[in-house]
C-alpha atoms as a PDB file:
ATOM      1  CA  MET A   1       4.910  24.161  49.693  1.00  0.00           C
ATOM      2  CA  ARG A   2       2.738  26.751  47.979  1.00  0.00           C
ATOM      3  CA  ILE A   3       5.710  27.998  45.939  1.00  0.00           C
ATOM      4  CA  LEU A   4       6.532  24.456  44.793  1.00  0.00           C
ATOM      5  CA  LEU A   5       2.914  23.851  43.711  1.00  0.00           C
ATOM      6  CA  ILE A   6       2.763  27.183  41.813  1.00  0.00           C
ATOM      7  CA  ALA A   7       6.101  26.400  40.124  1.00  0.00           C
ATOM      8  CA  ALA A   8       4.847  22.951  39.029  1.00  0.00           C
ATOM      9  CA  VAL A   9       1.585  24.374  37.635  1.00  0.00           C
ATOM     10  CA  LEU A  10       3.482  27.156  35.850  1.00  0.00           C
ATOM     11  CA  PHE A  11       5.972  24.656  34.373  1.00  0.00           C
ATOM     12  CA  ILE A  12       3.175  22.374  33.112  1.00  0.00           C
ATOM     13  CA  THR A  13       1.283  25.334  31.600  1.00  0.00           C
ATOM     14  CA  ILE A  14       4.380  26.632  29.800  1.00  0.00           C
ATOM     15  CA  HIS A  15       5.192  23.120  28.590  1.00  0.00           C
ATOM     16  CA  PHE A  16       1.686  22.649  27.126  1.00  0.00           C
ATOM     17  CA  ILE A  17       1.793  26.041  25.407  1.00  0.00           C
ATOM     18  CA  ARG A  18       5.225  25.295  23.924  1.00  0.00           C
ATOM     19  CA  ILE A  19       4.101  21.900  22.618  1.00  0.00           C
ATOM     20  CA  ASP A  20       0.909  23.403  21.172  1.00  0.00           C
ATOM     21  CA  LEU A  21       2.810  26.150  19.383  1.00  0.00           C
ATOM     22  CA  ALA A  22       5.486  23.793  18.066  1.00  0.00           C
ATOM     23  CA  GLU A  23       3.366  20.802  17.000  1.00  0.00           C
ATOM     24  CA  GLY A  24      -0.207  21.715  17.759  1.00  0.00           C
ATOM     25  CA  THR A  25      -3.278  22.815  15.882  1.00  0.00           C
ATOM     26  CA  ILE A  26      -2.497  26.512  15.503  1.00  0.00           C
ATOM     27  CA  PRO A  27       0.489  26.252  13.122  1.00  0.00           C
ATOM     28  CA  MET A  28      -1.011  23.299  11.274  1.00  0.00           C
ATOM     29  CA  ALA A  29      -4.273  25.117  10.554  1.00  0.00           C
ATOM     30  CA  SER A  30      -2.660  28.300   9.317  1.00  0.00           C
ATOM     31  CA  PHE A  31      -0.010  26.682   7.105  1.00  0.00           C
ATOM     32  CA  ALA A  32      -1.922  23.700   5.751  1.00  0.00           C
ATOM     33  CA  LYS A  33      -0.786  22.619   2.290  1.00  0.00           C
ATOM     34  CA  GLU A  34      -2.624  20.721  -0.351  1.00  0.00           C
ATOM     35  CA  SER A  35      -1.974  17.033  -0.058  1.00  0.00           C
ATOM     36  CA  VAL A  36      -1.907  14.534  -2.878  1.00  0.00           C
ATOM     37  CA  GLN A  37      -3.426  11.139  -2.219  1.00  0.00           C
ATOM     38  CA  CYS A  38      -2.365   8.250  -4.413  1.00  0.00           C
ATOM     39  CA  ASP A  39      -4.397   5.076  -4.485  1.00  0.00           C
ATOM     40  CA  GLU A  40      -2.824   2.018  -6.012  1.00  0.00           C
ATOM     41  CA  ILE A  41      -4.853   0.415  -8.754  1.00  0.00           C
ATOM     42  CA  GLU A  42      -4.765  -3.324  -9.261  1.00  0.00           C
ATOM     43  CA  THR A  43      -1.751  -4.846 -10.945  1.00  0.00           C
ATOM     44  CA  LEU A  44      -2.237  -5.159 -14.684  1.00  0.00           C
ATOM     45  CA  SER A  45      -3.229  -8.732 -15.427  1.00  0.00           C
ATOM     46  CA  ILE A  46      -4.837 -10.987 -18.003  1.00  0.00           C
ATOM     47  CA  PRO A  47      -7.378 -13.744 -17.325  1.00  0.00           C
ATOM     48  CA  VAL A  48      -6.328 -17.214 -18.467  1.00  0.00           C
ATOM     49  CA  THR A  49      -8.287 -20.469 -18.437  1.00  0.00           C
ATOM     50  CA  SER A  50      -6.041 -23.295 -17.305  1.00  0.00           C
ATOM     51  CA  VAL A  51      -5.928 -26.797 -18.752  1.00  0.00           C
ATOM     52  CA  VAL A  52      -5.104 -30.055 -17.007  1.00  0.00           C
ATOM     53  CA  GLY A  53      -1.405 -30.269 -16.182  1.00  0.00           C
ATOM     54  CA  ASP A  54      -0.716 -26.536 -16.122  1.00  0.00           C
ATOM     55  CA  THR A  55       1.742 -25.227 -13.576  1.00  0.00           C
ATOM     56  CA  ILE A  56       2.698 -21.709 -12.615  1.00  0.00           C
ATOM     57  CA  GLU A  57       5.967 -22.090 -14.506  1.00  0.00           C
ATOM     58  CA  SER A  58       4.204 -23.243 -17.682  1.00  0.00           C
ATOM     59  CA  LEU A  59       1.779 -20.314 -17.528  1.00  0.00           C
ATOM     60  CA  PHE A  60       4.653 -17.885 -17.014  1.00  0.00           C
ATOM     61  CA  ALA A  61       6.435 -19.464 -19.993  1.00  0.00           C
ATOM     62  CA  LEU A  62       3.360 -19.052 -22.222  1.00  0.00           C
ATOM     63  CA  TYR A  63       2.948 -15.399 -21.183  1.00  0.00           C
ATOM     64  CA  PRO A  64       6.488 -14.100 -20.593  1.00  0.00           C
ATOM     65  CA  ASP A  65       7.308 -10.746 -19.016  1.00  0.00           C
ATOM     66  CA  PRO A  66      11.011  -9.887 -19.427  1.00  0.00           C
ATOM     67  CA  SER A  67      10.735  -6.746 -17.281  1.00  0.00           C
ATOM     68  CA  ALA A  68       9.894  -8.676 -14.081  1.00  0.00           C
ATOM     69  CA  SER A  69      11.809 -11.370 -12.236  1.00  0.00           C
ATOM     70  CA  PHE A  70      10.269 -14.740 -11.432  1.00  0.00           C
ATOM     71  CA  ILE A  71      10.007 -13.972  -7.711  1.00  0.00           C
ATOM     72  CA  ASP A  72       8.227 -10.652  -8.365  1.00  0.00           C
ATOM     73  CA  ARG A  73       5.796 -12.266 -10.757  1.00  0.00           C
ATOM     74  CA  LEU A  74       5.189 -15.104  -8.321  1.00  0.00           C
ATOM     75  CA  SER A  75       4.347 -12.731  -5.457  1.00  0.00           C
ATOM     76  CA  GLU A  76       2.006 -10.752  -7.742  1.00  0.00           C
ATOM     77  CA  PHE A  77       0.485 -14.026  -8.971  1.00  0.00           C
ATOM     78  CA  TYR A  78      -0.364 -15.086  -5.417  1.00  0.00           C
ATOM     79  CA  SER A  79      -1.733 -11.647  -4.570  1.00  0.00           C
ATOM     80  CA  LEU A  80      -4.064 -11.905  -7.586  1.00  0.00           C
ATOM     81  CA  ASN A  81      -4.928 -15.574  -6.916  1.00  0.00           C
ATOM     82  CA  PRO A  82      -4.801 -16.148  -3.135  1.00  0.00           C
ATOM     83  CA  HIS A  83      -6.874 -19.331  -3.432  1.00  0.00           C
ATOM     84  CA  LEU A  84      -3.967 -21.061  -5.241  1.00  0.00           C
ATOM     85  CA  GLN A  85      -1.466 -20.748  -2.381  1.00  0.00           C
ATOM     86  CA  LEU A  86      -2.437 -24.063  -0.804  1.00  0.00           C
ATOM     87  CA  GLN A  87      -3.692 -26.011  -3.824  1.00  0.00           C
ATOM     88  CA  ASP A  88      -2.663 -26.987  -7.331  1.00  0.00           C
ATOM     89  CA  ILE A  89      -4.011 -25.481 -10.517  1.00  0.00           C
ATOM     90  CA  VAL A  90      -7.109 -27.331 -11.732  1.00  0.00           C
ATOM     91  CA  GLY A  91      -8.093 -27.561 -15.405  1.00  0.00           C
ATOM     92  CA  GLY A  92     -10.800 -25.126 -16.520  1.00  0.00           C
ATOM     93  CA  GLU A  93     -10.087 -22.634 -13.762  1.00  0.00           C
ATOM     94  CA  LYS A  94      -9.880 -18.882 -14.484  1.00  0.00           C
ATOM     95  CA  ILE A  95      -6.507 -17.544 -13.336  1.00  0.00           C
ATOM     96  CA  LEU A  96      -5.175 -13.991 -13.438  1.00  0.00           C
ATOM     97  CA  LEU A  97      -1.586 -13.635 -14.657  1.00  0.00           C
ATOM     98  CA  PRO A  98       0.349 -10.452 -13.841  1.00  0.00           C
ATOM     99  CA  LEU A  99       1.640  -8.594 -16.885  1.00  0.00           C
ATOM    100  CA  SER A 100       4.273  -6.338 -15.399  1.00  0.00           C
ATOM    101  CA  SER A 101       5.724  -5.369 -12.043  1.00  0.00           C
ATOM    102  CA  THR A 102       4.682  -1.730 -12.348  1.00  0.00           C
ATOM    103  CA  GLN A 103       1.420  -0.649 -10.833  1.00  0.00           C
ATOM    104  CA  ALA A 104      -0.601   2.283 -12.080  1.00  0.00           C
ATOM    105  CA  LYS A 105      -1.427   4.943  -9.513  1.00  0.00           C
ATOM    106  CA  LYS A 106      -4.411   7.247  -9.387  1.00  0.00           C
ATOM    107  CA  CYS A 107      -3.608  10.509  -7.615  1.00  0.00           C
ATOM    108  CA  THR A 108      -6.130  13.084  -6.456  1.00  0.00           C
ATOM    109  CA  GLU A 109      -5.504  16.427  -4.840  1.00  0.00           C
ATOM    110  CA  SER A 110      -7.314  17.188  -1.623  1.00  0.00           C
ATOM    111  CA  ARG A 111      -7.379  20.248   0.545  1.00  0.00           C
ATOM    112  CA  ARG A 112      -7.265  19.901   4.310  1.00  0.00           C
END
């Protein structure tokens, strides 16, 4: 019984040491690389004041963007204007229209 207990403790100790050396803190601390963090900046957009009778399609027709599809522009439109998902466009309301499907990224280098 004593031999079985010693074998189990020895196996667990060797297992923990192997895991620590393979994935643990020692190799990560000695070979840490600089990491680059990129934060997405808001989608480029323009503010538009709506008039009575405007629809999303009419606004997209007034401000066309040939580089983006209608579905992409629509998803960006609703991400910029979440309050319009369940209601119609009202006259005199400020609405943000997406200009393009590309988003600018701001990257900073950080040392760990």
